[in-house]
Amino acid sequence: MDDLDDMDHRIVTVLSACGTDPRVAGAARALSWAGEHGALWLAAGLAGAAVDRGRRGAWLRGTALTAGAHLVSMAVKRVVRRPRPAHVVPLVRTAGRHSFPSSHATSAAAAAVAFGALGVPAVRPLAAAVCASRLVAGVHYPSDVAAGAALGALTARLGAGWMRGGTRD
């Protein structure tokens, strides 16, 4: 095991131990469930489009960027095929067996960048909580979450011009 793997194992061991507190476990489960397949972020984007009619197009494009980032992360998982942590007991069931990158982190970071650009500051701390929940739930290594967050943020940043291009429609 190399140093990064060793650090990944140690960190997920420590953070998953936080899940022994029923309140922490409940929050981790709720955040994991809400973030499944980017559902929380897609719902937020569609709600934003419904409420903020003046920027409906930007909200929909931000939602599309978030969904696109999630799809890219799923494709990367199929290529990398890193197994999930096996040395801790997970708090949640997962949709798949592969860990890298965290699709929850990818869609959360994409939403934080895209919806944050629309002036929704609450998205960033909620996205960070979703990312942390994957470690507490014991279903990802920190490097999975970091890579997913970087992928999501990069995807949203690359699409920022497209998203802003129609903020008045």
Protein backbone atom coordinates (compact mmCIF):
# COMPACT_ATOMS: atom_id res chain seq x y z
CA MET A 1 0.00 0.00 0.00
CA ASP A 2 1.46 3.37 -0.94
CA ASP A 3 1.30 6.52 1.18
CA LEU A 4 -1.83 7.94 -0.51
CA ASP A 5 -3.72 4.67 -0.08
CA ASP A 6 -2.61 4.47 3.54
CA MET A 7 -3.74 8.04 4.20
CA ASP A 8 -7.05 7.39 2.40
CA HIS A 9 -7.68 4.31 4.56
CA ARG A 10 -6.82 6.12 7.77
CA ILE A 11 -8.99 9.15 7.05
CA VAL A 12 -12.04 7.11 6.04
CA THR A 13 -11.58 4.96 9.16
CA VAL A 14 -11.57 8.03 11.40
CA LEU A 15 -14.46 9.79 9.66
CA SER A 16 -16.64 6.71 9.39
CA ALA A 17 -16.23 6.30 13.16
CA CYS A 18 -18.14 9.59 13.49
CA GLY A 19 -21.12 7.67 12.13
CA THR A 20 -21.46 5.83 15.43
CA ASP A 21 -23.25 8.93 16.73
CA PRO A 22 -26.89 8.42 15.67
CA ARG A 23 -27.33 12.12 14.82
CA VAL A 24 -24.27 12.13 12.58
CA ALA A 25 -25.29 8.83 11.00
CA GLY A 26 -28.79 10.17 10.33
CA ALA A 27 -27.43 13.32 8.70
CA ALA A 28 -24.96 11.31 6.59
CA ARG A 29 -27.71 8.97 5.45
CA ALA A 30 -30.07 11.84 4.60
CA LEU A 31 -27.42 13.74 2.66
CA SER A 32 -26.33 10.61 0.83
CA TRP A 33 -29.90 9.77 -0.07
CA ALA A 34 -30.68 13.32 -1.23
CA GLY A 35 -27.55 13.45 -3.36
CA GLU A 36 -28.15 10.11 -5.08
CA HIS A 37 -27.84 10.54 -8.86
CA GLY A 38 -27.62 14.29 -8.31
CA ALA A 39 -31.33 14.41 -7.36
CA LEU A 40 -30.94 17.20 -4.79
CA TRP A 41 -29.13 19.42 -7.27
CA LEU A 42 -31.40 18.67 -10.20
CA ALA A 43 -34.45 19.45 -8.07
CA ALA A 44 -32.81 22.68 -6.85
CA GLY A 45 -32.00 23.74 -10.39
CA LEU A 46 -35.50 23.04 -11.63
CA ALA A 47 -36.97 24.87 -8.64
CA GLY A 48 -34.69 27.82 -9.38
CA ALA A 49 -35.88 27.82 -13.00
CA ALA A 50 -39.51 27.79 -11.87
CA VAL A 51 -39.12 30.58 -9.32
CA ASP A 52 -36.57 32.84 -11.03
CA ARG A 53 -38.27 33.29 -14.39
CA GLY A 54 -35.91 36.08 -15.43
CA ARG A 55 -32.97 33.70 -15.34
CA ARG A 56 -34.79 30.49 -16.21
CA GLY A 57 -32.40 29.66 -19.04
CA ALA A 58 -29.34 30.07 -16.83
CA TRP A 59 -30.89 27.84 -14.16
CA LEU A 60 -31.69 25.17 -16.73
CA ARG A 61 -28.21 25.34 -18.23
CA GLY A 62 -26.69 25.11 -14.73
CA THR A 63 -28.87 22.09 -14.06
CA ALA A 64 -27.73 20.56 -17.36
CA LEU A 65 -24.08 21.19 -16.42
CA THR A 66 -24.66 19.49 -13.07
CA ALA A 67 -26.31 16.48 -14.73
CA GLY A 68 -23.55 16.34 -17.34
CA ALA A 69 -20.84 16.37 -14.68
CA HIS A 70 -22.61 13.52 -12.90
CA LEU A 71 -22.73 11.49 -16.12
CA VAL A 72 -19.03 12.10 -16.75
CA SER A 73 -18.19 10.86 -13.24
CA MET A 74 -20.18 7.69 -13.86
CA ALA A 75 -18.24 7.09 -17.07
CA VAL A 76 -14.91 7.61 -15.27
CA LYS A 77 -16.02 5.09 -12.61
CA ARG A 78 -16.58 2.48 -15.31
CA VAL A 79 -13.03 3.00 -16.56
CA VAL A 80 -11.19 3.27 -13.22
CA ARG A 81 -13.22 0.61 -11.34
CA ARG A 82 -11.74 1.36 -7.92
CA PRO A 83 -13.49 -0.70 -5.24
CA ARG A 84 -15.22 1.01 -2.35
CA PRO A 85 -13.66 0.91 1.12
CA ALA A 86 -13.94 -2.63 2.43
CA HIS A 87 -12.38 -2.06 5.85
CA VAL A 88 -15.32 -0.09 7.29
CA VAL A 89 -19.02 -0.89 7.59
CA PRO A 90 -20.98 1.45 5.30
CA LEU A 91 -23.96 3.39 6.64
CA VAL A 92 -25.74 3.41 3.28
CA ARG A 93 -26.27 1.17 0.31
CA THR A 94 -24.70 2.33 -2.93
CA ALA A 95 -25.97 2.25 -6.49
CA GLY A 96 -22.70 0.72 -7.69
CA ARG A 97 -19.55 -1.04 -6.59
CA HIS A 98 -17.05 1.51 -7.79
CA SER A 99 -15.67 4.36 -5.76
CA PHE A 100 -13.57 6.68 -7.93
CA PRO A 101 -14.60 9.42 -8.41
CA SER A 102 -17.46 10.16 -6.05
CA SER A 103 -20.44 11.04 -8.23
CA HIS A 104 -22.12 12.68 -5.22
CA ALA A 105 -19.11 14.99 -4.89
CA THR A 106 -19.05 15.63 -8.64
CA SER A 107 -22.66 16.76 -8.85
CA ALA A 108 -22.39 18.68 -5.56
CA ALA A 109 -19.36 20.66 -6.71
CA ALA A 110 -20.86 21.30 -10.14
CA ALA A 111 -24.03 22.64 -8.49
CA ALA A 112 -21.98 24.74 -6.05
CA VAL A 113 -20.17 26.42 -8.93
CA ALA A 114 -23.16 26.73 -11.27
CA PHE A 115 -25.80 27.78 -8.76
CA GLY A 116 -23.29 29.77 -6.73
CA ALA A 117 -22.74 31.87 -9.86
CA LEU A 118 -26.47 32.61 -9.76
CA GLY A 119 -26.11 34.04 -6.27
CA VAL A 120 -27.18 31.10 -4.11
CA PRO A 121 -24.57 31.06 -1.32
CA ALA A 122 -26.23 28.22 0.63
CA VAL A 123 -25.30 25.73 -2.09
CA ARG A 124 -21.60 25.70 -1.18
CA PRO A 125 -21.93 24.56 2.46
CA LEU A 126 -24.62 22.06 1.51
CA ALA A 127 -22.38 20.68 -1.24
CA ALA A 128 -19.51 20.37 1.26
CA ALA A 129 -21.83 18.51 3.65
CA VAL A 130 -22.84 16.07 0.89
CA CYS A 131 -19.16 15.45 0.14
CA ALA A 132 -18.35 14.85 3.82
CA SER A 133 -21.33 12.53 4.16
CA ARG A 134 -19.75 10.10 1.72
CA LEU A 135 -16.72 9.76 4.01
CA VAL A 136 -18.77 9.46 7.18
CA ALA A 137 -20.99 6.89 5.43
CA GLY A 138 -17.83 4.89 4.69
CA VAL A 139 -18.50 4.52 0.97
CA HIS A 140 -15.68 6.64 -0.45
CA TYR A 141 -12.07 7.44 0.18
CA PRO A 142 -11.05 11.10 0.53
CA SER A 143 -9.26 10.96 -2.83
CA ASP A 144 -12.55 9.80 -4.45
CA VAL A 145 -14.36 12.80 -3.00
CA ALA A 146 -11.57 15.23 -3.91
CA ALA A 147 -11.40 13.94 -7.48
CA GLY A 148 -15.17 14.08 -7.82
CA ALA A 149 -15.33 17.62 -6.49
CA ALA A 150 -12.55 18.72 -8.84
CA LEU A 151 -14.30 17.08 -11.80
CA GLY A 152 -17.62 18.72 -10.95
CA ALA A 153 -16.12 22.16 -10.39
CA LEU A 154 -14.10 21.92 -13.60
CA THR A 155 -17.13 20.85 -15.62
CA ALA A 156 -19.20 23.73 -14.30
CA ARG A 157 -16.37 26.23 -14.82
CA LEU A 158 -15.89 25.05 -18.41
CA GLY A 159 -19.61 25.60 -19.02
CA ALA A 160 -19.81 28.91 -17.16
CA GLY A 161 -19.74 31.01 -20.33
CA TRP A 162 -22.53 28.95 -21.87
CA MET A 163 -24.53 29.20 -18.67
CA ARG A 164 -24.12 32.99 -18.35
CA GLY A 165 -24.67 33.56 -22.05
CA GLY A 166 -28.42 33.45 -21.70
CA THR A 167 -29.10 34.80 -18.20
CA ARG A 168 -31.78 37.15 -19.56
CA ASP A 169 -33.96 34.59 -21.35
